[in-house]
Every structure is written in C-alpha cells, then in structure tokens.
Amino acid sequence: MSKRINIMIDDDTWGVLGRIPAGERSRAINEALRDWAARRRRKDAAREMDALRTQLPKVSADEVARWVREDREQGH
C-alpha cells in the first residue's frame, strides 16, 4: 500500500527532481530512500561492530587459523 506525504525540498534538490518526468518521481524518491536506508543500516552495523571489537580480547592470526583448521577437521 502506498502512502502520500508532503515534504519540503531544497531548491537545488528540486532542480534534480524537476528533471525527472512527473510520473517517475515517486519511484525515484522511493529508490533513493531505500538506498539511503540500506547505507544507514550498514553504517550503524559497522559502528556497533567497532564498539564490540573494543570490548573483545585480541586474537592472533595464528589462533584464528587454528580454529578454522579445527573446524574443517570436524567436517563443518
């Protein structure tokens, strides 16, 4: 279901949007907003992972390689 909203757009943004044919503007705005939301979610997730990383103990590359080798040997 679609929702109608009213928004304020800066003149420079309207200059870009005004070049899009009237029947395609909603689709263009929807796509742009979905892309923006996806980027925002990725940035938020990366920020959360960075915060968690500071709380976790340091692990050496050798230890990670050992874990991977053990996991492979167990057939995972």
PDB file of N, CA and C in Angstrom:
ATOM      1  N   MET A   1       0.841  -1.164   0.000  1.00  0.00           N
ATOM      2  CA  MET A   1       0.000   0.000   0.000  1.00  0.00           C
ATOM      3  C   MET A   1       0.895   1.239   0.000  1.00  0.00           C
ATOM      4  N   SER A   2       0.515   2.224  -0.757  1.00  0.00           N
ATOM      5  CA  SER A   2       1.274   3.466  -0.838  1.00  0.00           C
ATOM      6  C   SER A   2       0.707   4.497   0.125  1.00  0.00           C
ATOM      7  N   LYS A   3       1.566   5.396   0.554  1.00  0.00           N
ATOM      8  CA  LYS A   3       1.184   6.498   1.446  1.00  0.00           C
ATOM      9  C   LYS A   3       1.560   7.805   0.766  1.00  0.00           C
ATOM     10  N   ARG A   4       0.714   8.793   0.866  1.00  0.00           N
ATOM     11  CA  ARG A   4       1.003  10.119   0.330  1.00  0.00           C
ATOM     12  C   ARG A   4       1.545  10.967   1.480  1.00  0.00           C
ATOM     13  N   ILE A   5       2.654  11.681   1.214  1.00  0.00           N
ATOM     14  CA  ILE A   5       3.223  12.560   2.230  1.00  0.00           C
ATOM     15  C   ILE A   5       3.543  13.904   1.597  1.00  0.00           C
ATOM     16  N   ASN A   6       3.679  14.897   2.416  1.00  0.00           N
ATOM     17  CA  ASN A   6       4.151  16.210   1.974  1.00  0.00           C
ATOM     18  C   ASN A   6       5.522  16.423   2.576  1.00  0.00           C
ATOM     19  N   ILE A   7       6.470  16.835   1.752  1.00  0.00           N
ATOM     20  CA  ILE A   7       7.820  17.098   2.238  1.00  0.00           C
ATOM     21  C   ILE A   7       8.307  18.418   1.662  1.00  0.00           C
ATOM     22  N   MET A   8       9.279  18.998   2.299  1.00  0.00           N
ATOM     23  CA  MET A   8       9.925  20.217   1.810  1.00  0.00           C
ATOM     24  C   MET A   8      11.249  19.800   1.169  1.00  0.00           C
ATOM     25  N   ILE A   9      11.516  20.335  -0.017  1.00  0.00           N
ATOM     26  CA  ILE A   9      12.728  20.008  -0.758  1.00  0.00           C
ATOM     27  C   ILE A   9      13.470  21.310  -1.053  1.00  0.00           C
ATOM     28  N   ASP A  10      14.767  21.306  -0.822  1.00  0.00           N
ATOM     29  CA  ASP A  10      15.596  22.467  -1.142  1.00  0.00           C
ATOM     30  C   ASP A  10      15.541  22.747  -2.641  1.00  0.00           C
ATOM     31  N   ASP A  11      15.832  23.986  -3.001  1.00  0.00           N
ATOM     32  CA  ASP A  11      15.796  24.376  -4.408  1.00  0.00           C
ATOM     33  C   ASP A  11      16.746  23.546  -5.266  1.00  0.00           C
ATOM     34  N   ASP A  12      17.949  23.290  -4.754  1.00  0.00           N
ATOM     35  CA  ASP A  12      18.899  22.507  -5.559  1.00  0.00           C
ATOM     36  C   ASP A  12      18.414  21.067  -5.748  1.00  0.00           C
ATOM     37  N   THR A  13      17.790  20.496  -4.726  1.00  0.00           N
ATOM     38  CA  THR A  13      17.241  19.146  -4.847  1.00  0.00           C
ATOM     39  C   THR A  13      16.069  19.150  -5.826  1.00  0.00           C
ATOM     40  N   TRP A  14      15.244  20.179  -5.761  1.00  0.00           N
ATOM     41  CA  TRP A  14      14.126  20.274  -6.695  1.00  0.00           C
ATOM     42  C   TRP A  14      14.635  20.387  -8.129  1.00  0.00           C
ATOM     43  N   GLY A  15      15.776  21.051  -8.311  1.00  0.00           N
ATOM     44  CA  GLY A  15      16.366  21.142  -9.646  1.00  0.00           C
ATOM     45  C   GLY A  15      16.656  19.768 -10.218  1.00  0.00           C
ATOM     46  N   VAL A  16      17.130  18.877  -9.365  1.00  0.00           N
ATOM     47  CA  VAL A  16      17.400  17.495  -9.803  1.00  0.00           C
ATOM     48  C   VAL A  16      16.086  16.758 -10.015  1.00  0.00           C
ATOM     49  N   LEU A  17      15.201  16.840  -9.044  1.00  0.00           N
ATOM     50  CA  LEU A  17      13.926  16.127  -9.116  1.00  0.00           C
ATOM     51  C   LEU A  17      13.054  16.648 -10.251  1.00  0.00           C
ATOM     52  N   GLY A  18      13.148  17.935 -10.522  1.00  0.00           N
ATOM     53  CA  GLY A  18      12.346  18.524 -11.588  1.00  0.00           C
ATOM     54  C   GLY A  18      12.692  18.005 -12.962  1.00  0.00           C
ATOM     55  N   ARG A  19      13.873  17.451 -13.134  1.00  0.00           N
ATOM     56  CA  ARG A  19      14.275  16.886 -14.427  1.00  0.00           C
ATOM     57  C   ARG A  19      13.741  15.466 -14.623  1.00  0.00           C
ATOM     58  N   ILE A  20      13.197  14.879 -13.567  1.00  0.00           N
ATOM     59  CA  ILE A  20      12.620  13.535 -13.663  1.00  0.00           C
ATOM     60  C   ILE A  20      11.166  13.695 -14.093  1.00  0.00           C
ATOM     61  N   PRO A  21      10.728  12.932 -15.092  1.00  0.00           N
ATOM     62  CA  PRO A  21       9.325  13.046 -15.522  1.00  0.00           C
ATOM     63  C   PRO A  21       8.370  12.838 -14.355  1.00  0.00           C
ATOM     64  N   ALA A  22       7.274  13.605 -14.345  1.00  0.00           N
ATOM     65  CA  ALA A  22       6.331  13.611 -13.223  1.00  0.00           C
ATOM     66  C   ALA A  22       5.860  12.209 -12.844  1.00  0.00           C
ATOM     67  N   GLY A  23       5.629  11.343 -13.766  1.00  0.00           N
ATOM     68  CA  GLY A  23       5.142  10.005 -13.444  1.00  0.00           C
ATOM     69  C   GLY A  23       6.186   9.088 -12.834  1.00  0.00           C
ATOM     70  N   GLU A  24       7.446   9.506 -12.823  1.00  0.00           N
ATOM     71  CA  GLU A  24       8.533   8.661 -12.318  1.00  0.00           C
ATOM     72  C   GLU A  24       9.138   9.181 -11.016  1.00  0.00           C
ATOM     73  N   ARG A  25       8.691  10.325 -10.542  1.00  0.00           N
ATOM     74  CA  ARG A  25       9.313  10.949  -9.368  1.00  0.00           C
ATOM     75  C   ARG A  25       9.140  10.113  -8.102  1.00  0.00           C
ATOM     76  N   SER A  26       7.953   9.601  -7.868  1.00  0.00           N
ATOM     77  CA  SER A  26       7.736   8.803  -6.652  1.00  0.00           C
ATOM     78  C   SER A  26       8.641   7.581  -6.646  1.00  0.00           C
ATOM     79  N   ARG A  27       8.754   6.914  -7.800  1.00  0.00           N
ATOM     80  CA  ARG A  27       9.612   5.730  -7.878  1.00  0.00           C
ATOM     81  C   ARG A  27      11.068   6.111  -7.615  1.00  0.00           C
ATOM     82  N   ALA A  28      11.515   7.237  -8.186  1.00  0.00           N
ATOM     83  CA  ALA A  28      12.902   7.677  -7.988  1.00  0.00           C
ATOM     84  C   ALA A  28      13.165   8.007  -6.519  1.00  0.00           C
ATOM     85  N   ILE A  29      12.219   8.687  -5.891  1.00  0.00           N
ATOM     86  CA  ILE A  29      12.382   9.035  -4.471  1.00  0.00           C
ATOM     87  C   ILE A  29      12.370   7.778  -3.611  1.00  0.00           C
ATOM     88  N   ASN A  30      11.470   6.830  -3.912  1.00  0.00           N
ATOM     89  CA  ASN A  30      11.431   5.572  -3.162  1.00  0.00           C
ATOM     90  C   ASN A  30      12.755   4.824  -3.271  1.00  0.00           C
ATOM     91  N   GLU A  31      13.296   4.733  -4.487  1.00  0.00           N
ATOM     92  CA  GLU A  31      14.573   4.037  -4.679  1.00  0.00           C
ATOM     93  C   GLU A  31      15.697   4.739  -3.922  1.00  0.00           C
ATOM     94  N   ALA A  32      15.728   6.065  -4.007  1.00  0.00           N
ATOM     95  CA  ALA A  32      16.778   6.817  -3.315  1.00  0.00           C
ATOM     96  C   ALA A  32      16.670   6.635  -1.807  1.00  0.00           C
ATOM     97  N   LEU A  33      15.455   6.659  -1.284  1.00  0.00           N
ATOM     98  CA  LEU A  33      15.266   6.497   0.152  1.00  0.00           C
ATOM     99  C   LEU A  33      15.624   5.085   0.611  1.00  0.00           C
ATOM    100  N   ARG A  34      15.271   4.078  -0.186  1.00  0.00           N
ATOM    101  CA  ARG A  34      15.658   2.696   0.155  1.00  0.00           C
ATOM    102  C   ARG A  34      17.175   2.550   0.169  1.00  0.00           C
ATOM    103  N   ASP A  35      17.847   3.132  -0.839  1.00  0.00           N
ATOM    104  CA  ASP A  35      19.318   3.079  -0.888  1.00  0.00           C
ATOM    105  C   ASP A  35      19.922   3.768   0.326  1.00  0.00           C
ATOM    106  N   TRP A  36      19.388   4.950   0.671  1.00  0.00           N
ATOM    107  CA  TRP A  36      19.873   5.691   1.840  1.00  0.00           C
ATOM    108  C   TRP A  36      19.687   4.865   3.113  1.00  0.00           C
ATOM    109  N   ALA A  37      18.512   4.244   3.261  1.00  0.00           N
ATOM    110  CA  ALA A  37      18.231   3.450   4.464  1.00  0.00           C
ATOM    111  C   ALA A  37      19.172   2.246   4.553  1.00  0.00           C
ATOM    112  N   ALA A  38      19.448   1.614   3.422  1.00  0.00           N
ATOM    113  CA  ALA A  38      20.372   0.465   3.425  1.00  0.00           C
ATOM    114  C   ALA A  38      21.769   0.910   3.827  1.00  0.00           C
ATOM    115  N   ARG A  39      22.228   2.043   3.282  1.00  0.00           N
ATOM    116  CA  ARG A  39      23.552   2.555   3.673  1.00  0.00           C
ATOM    117  C   ARG A  39      23.579   2.893   5.151  1.00  0.00           C
ATOM    118  N   ARG A  40      22.520   3.470   5.647  1.00  0.00           N
ATOM    119  CA  ARG A  40      22.432   3.837   7.067  1.00  0.00           C
ATOM    120  C   ARG A  40      22.507   2.597   7.956  1.00  0.00           C
ATOM    121  N   ARG A  41      21.765   1.541   7.572  1.00  0.00           N
ATOM    122  CA  ARG A  41      21.806   0.297   8.359  1.00  0.00           C
ATOM    123  C   ARG A  41      23.211  -0.303   8.366  1.00  0.00           C
ATOM    124  N   ARG A  42      23.886  -0.269   7.208  1.00  0.00           N
ATOM    125  CA  ARG A  42      25.261  -0.807   7.151  1.00  0.00           C
ATOM    126  C   ARG A  42      26.198   0.015   8.024  1.00  0.00           C
ATOM    127  N   LYS A  43      26.077   1.339   7.969  1.00  0.00           N
ATOM    128  CA  LYS A  43      26.931   2.193   8.802  1.00  0.00           C
ATOM    129  C   LYS A  43      26.672   1.948  10.282  1.00  0.00           C
ATOM    130  N   ASP A  44      25.395   1.837  10.653  1.00  0.00           N
ATOM    131  CA  ASP A  44      25.049   1.574  12.058  1.00  0.00           C
ATOM    132  C   ASP A  44      25.607   0.230  12.509  1.00  0.00           C
ATOM    133  N   ALA A  45      25.488  -0.798  11.645  1.00  0.00           N
ATOM    134  CA  ALA A  45      26.010  -2.124  11.990  1.00  0.00           C
ATOM    135  C   ALA A  45      27.525  -2.080  12.141  1.00  0.00           C
ATOM    136  N   ALA A  46      28.197  -1.380  11.229  1.00  0.00           N
ATOM    137  CA  ALA A  46      29.663  -1.276  11.314  1.00  0.00           C
ATOM    138  C   ALA A  46      30.075  -0.555  12.595  1.00  0.00           C
ATOM    139  N   ARG A  47      29.340   0.494  12.956  1.00  0.00           N
ATOM    140  CA  ARG A  47      29.649   1.228  14.191  1.00  0.00           C
ATOM    141  C   ARG A  47      29.466   0.323  15.411  1.00  0.00           C
ATOM    142  N   GLU A  48      28.386  -0.475  15.419  1.00  0.00           N
ATOM    143  CA  GLU A  48      28.154  -1.401  16.527  1.00  0.00           C
ATOM    144  C   GLU A  48      29.253  -2.460  16.592  1.00  0.00           C
ATOM    145  N   MET A  49      29.675  -2.974  15.430  1.00  0.00           N
ATOM    146  CA  MET A  49      30.745  -3.978  15.417  1.00  0.00           C
ATOM    147  C   MET A  49      32.059  -3.374  15.921  1.00  0.00           C
ATOM    148  N   ASP A  50      32.334  -2.136  15.532  1.00  0.00           N
ATOM    149  CA  ASP A  50      33.546  -1.470  16.022  1.00  0.00           C
ATOM    150  C   ASP A  50      33.508  -1.310  17.538  1.00  0.00           C
ATOM    151  N   ALA A  51      32.343  -0.961  18.069  1.00  0.00           N
ATOM    152  CA  ALA A  51      32.202  -0.813  19.520  1.00  0.00           C
ATOM    153  C   ALA A  51      32.406  -2.151  20.215  1.00  0.00           C
ATOM    154  N   LEU A  52      31.837  -3.216  19.648  1.00  0.00           N
ATOM    155  CA  LEU A  52      32.025  -4.548  20.238  1.00  0.00           C
ATOM    156  C   LEU A  52      33.483  -4.985  20.168  1.00  0.00           C
ATOM    157  N   ARG A  53      34.139  -4.649  19.049  1.00  0.00           N
ATOM    158  CA  ARG A  53      35.529  -5.057  18.857  1.00  0.00           C
ATOM    159  C   ARG A  53      36.421  -4.522  19.965  1.00  0.00           C
ATOM    160  N   THR A  54      36.126  -3.331  20.460  1.00  0.00           N
ATOM    161  CA  THR A  54      36.959  -2.756  21.520  1.00  0.00           C
ATOM    162  C   THR A  54      36.784  -3.500  22.842  1.00  0.00           C
ATOM    163  N   GLN A  55      35.677  -4.231  22.996  1.00  0.00           N
ATOM    164  CA  GLN A  55      35.394  -4.934  24.246  1.00  0.00           C
ATOM    165  C   GLN A  55      35.887  -6.385  24.226  1.00  0.00           C
ATOM    166  N   LEU A  56      36.243  -6.888  23.057  1.00  0.00           N
ATOM    167  CA  LEU A  56      36.645  -8.292  22.946  1.00  0.00           C
ATOM    168  C   LEU A  56      38.150  -8.444  23.099  1.00  0.00           C
ATOM    169  N   PRO A  57      38.581  -9.615  23.551  1.00  0.00           N
ATOM    170  CA  PRO A  57      40.024  -9.838  23.674  1.00  0.00           C
ATOM    171  C   PRO A  57      40.671  -9.929  22.289  1.00  0.00           C
ATOM    172  N   LYS A  58      41.932  -9.549  22.228  1.00  0.00           N
ATOM    173  CA  LYS A  58      42.684  -9.632  20.976  1.00  0.00           C
ATOM    174  C   LYS A  58      42.951 -11.098  20.655  1.00  0.00           C
ATOM    175  N   VAL A  59      42.863 -11.445  19.374  1.00  0.00           N
ATOM    176  CA  VAL A  59      43.095 -12.817  18.923  1.00  0.00           C
ATOM    177  C   VAL A  59      44.131 -12.759  17.808  1.00  0.00           C
ATOM    178  N   SER A  60      45.120 -13.627  17.871  1.00  0.00           N
ATOM    179  CA  SER A  60      46.168 -13.624  16.854  1.00  0.00           C
ATOM    180  C   SER A  60      45.694 -14.347  15.593  1.00  0.00           C
ATOM    181  N   ALA A  61      46.336 -14.036  14.486  1.00  0.00           N
ATOM    182  CA  ALA A  61      46.016 -14.696  13.219  1.00  0.00           C
ATOM    183  C   ALA A  61      46.284 -16.190  13.311  1.00  0.00           C
ATOM    184  N   ASP A  62      47.327 -16.571  14.048  1.00  0.00           N
ATOM    185  CA  ASP A  62      47.636 -17.992  14.218  1.00  0.00           C
ATOM    186  C   ASP A  62      46.500 -18.716  14.937  1.00  0.00           C
ATOM    187  N   GLU A  63      45.929 -18.052  15.934  1.00  0.00           N
ATOM    188  CA  GLU A  63      44.832 -18.663  16.685  1.00  0.00           C
ATOM    189  C   GLU A  63      43.588 -18.823  15.801  1.00  0.00           C
ATOM    190  N   VAL A  64      43.322 -17.818  14.990  1.00  0.00           N
ATOM    191  CA  VAL A  64      42.177 -17.908  14.071  1.00  0.00           C
ATOM    192  C   VAL A  64      42.401 -19.034  13.073  1.00  0.00           C
ATOM    193  N   ALA A  65      43.615 -19.140  12.536  1.00  0.00           N
ATOM    194  CA  ALA A  65      43.926 -20.207  11.583  1.00  0.00           C
ATOM    195  C   ALA A  65      43.745 -21.574  12.239  1.00  0.00           C
ATOM    196  N   ARG A  66      44.132 -21.688  13.497  1.00  0.00           N
ATOM    197  CA  ARG A  66      43.964 -22.950  14.215  1.00  0.00           C
ATOM    198  C   ARG A  66      42.479 -23.283  14.359  1.00  0.00           C
ATOM    199  N   TRP A  67      41.667 -22.289  14.701  1.00  0.00           N
ATOM    200  CA  TRP A  67      40.224 -22.509  14.840  1.00  0.00           C
ATOM    201  C   TRP A  67      39.610 -22.974  13.517  1.00  0.00           C
ATOM    202  N   VAL A  68      40.020 -22.343  12.426  1.00  0.00           N
ATOM    203  CA  VAL A  68      39.489 -22.719  11.122  1.00  0.00           C
ATOM    204  C   VAL A  68      39.899 -24.142  10.773  1.00  0.00           C
ATOM    205  N   ARG A  69      41.167 -24.469  11.038  1.00  0.00           N
ATOM    206  CA  ARG A  69      41.675 -25.807  10.750  1.00  0.00           C
ATOM    207  C   ARG A  69      40.898 -26.849  11.581  1.00  0.00           C
ATOM    208  N   GLU A  70      40.685 -26.566  12.856  1.00  0.00           N
ATOM    209  CA  GLU A  70      39.933 -27.483  13.719  1.00  0.00           C
ATOM    210  C   GLU A  70      38.490 -27.642  13.233  1.00  0.00           C
ATOM    211  N   ASP A  71      37.893 -26.543  12.816  1.00  0.00           N
ATOM    212  CA  ASP A  71      36.521 -26.594  12.326  1.00  0.00           C
ATOM    213  C   ASP A  71      36.431 -27.434  11.058  1.00  0.00           C
ATOM    214  N   ARG A  72      37.388 -27.277  10.166  1.00  0.00           N
ATOM    215  CA  ARG A  72      37.396 -28.051   8.923  1.00  0.00           C
ATOM    216  C   ARG A  72      37.595 -29.531   9.221  1.00  0.00           C
ATOM    217  N   GLU A  73      38.446 -29.840  10.180  1.00  0.00           N
ATOM    218  CA  GLU A  73      38.701 -31.231  10.523  1.00  0.00           C
ATOM    219  C   GLU A  73      37.460 -31.905  11.100  1.00  0.00           C
ATOM    220  N   GLN A  74      36.581 -31.114  11.733  1.00  0.00           N
ATOM    221  CA  GLN A  74      35.350 -31.657  12.296  1.00  0.00           C
ATOM    222  C   GLN A  74      34.264 -31.787  11.242  1.00  0.00           C
ATOM    223  N   GLY A  75      34.555 -31.368  10.005  1.00  0.00           N
ATOM    224  CA  GLY A  75      33.617 -31.542   8.910  1.00  0.00           C
ATOM    225  C   GLY A  75      32.581 -30.452   8.780  1.00  0.00           C
ATOM    226  N   HIS A  76      32.830 -29.281   9.333  1.00  0.00           N
ATOM    227  CA  HIS A  76      31.863 -28.172   9.216  1.00  0.00           C
ATOM    228  C   HIS A  76      32.098 -27.351   8.013  1.00  0.00           C
TER     229      HIS A  76
END
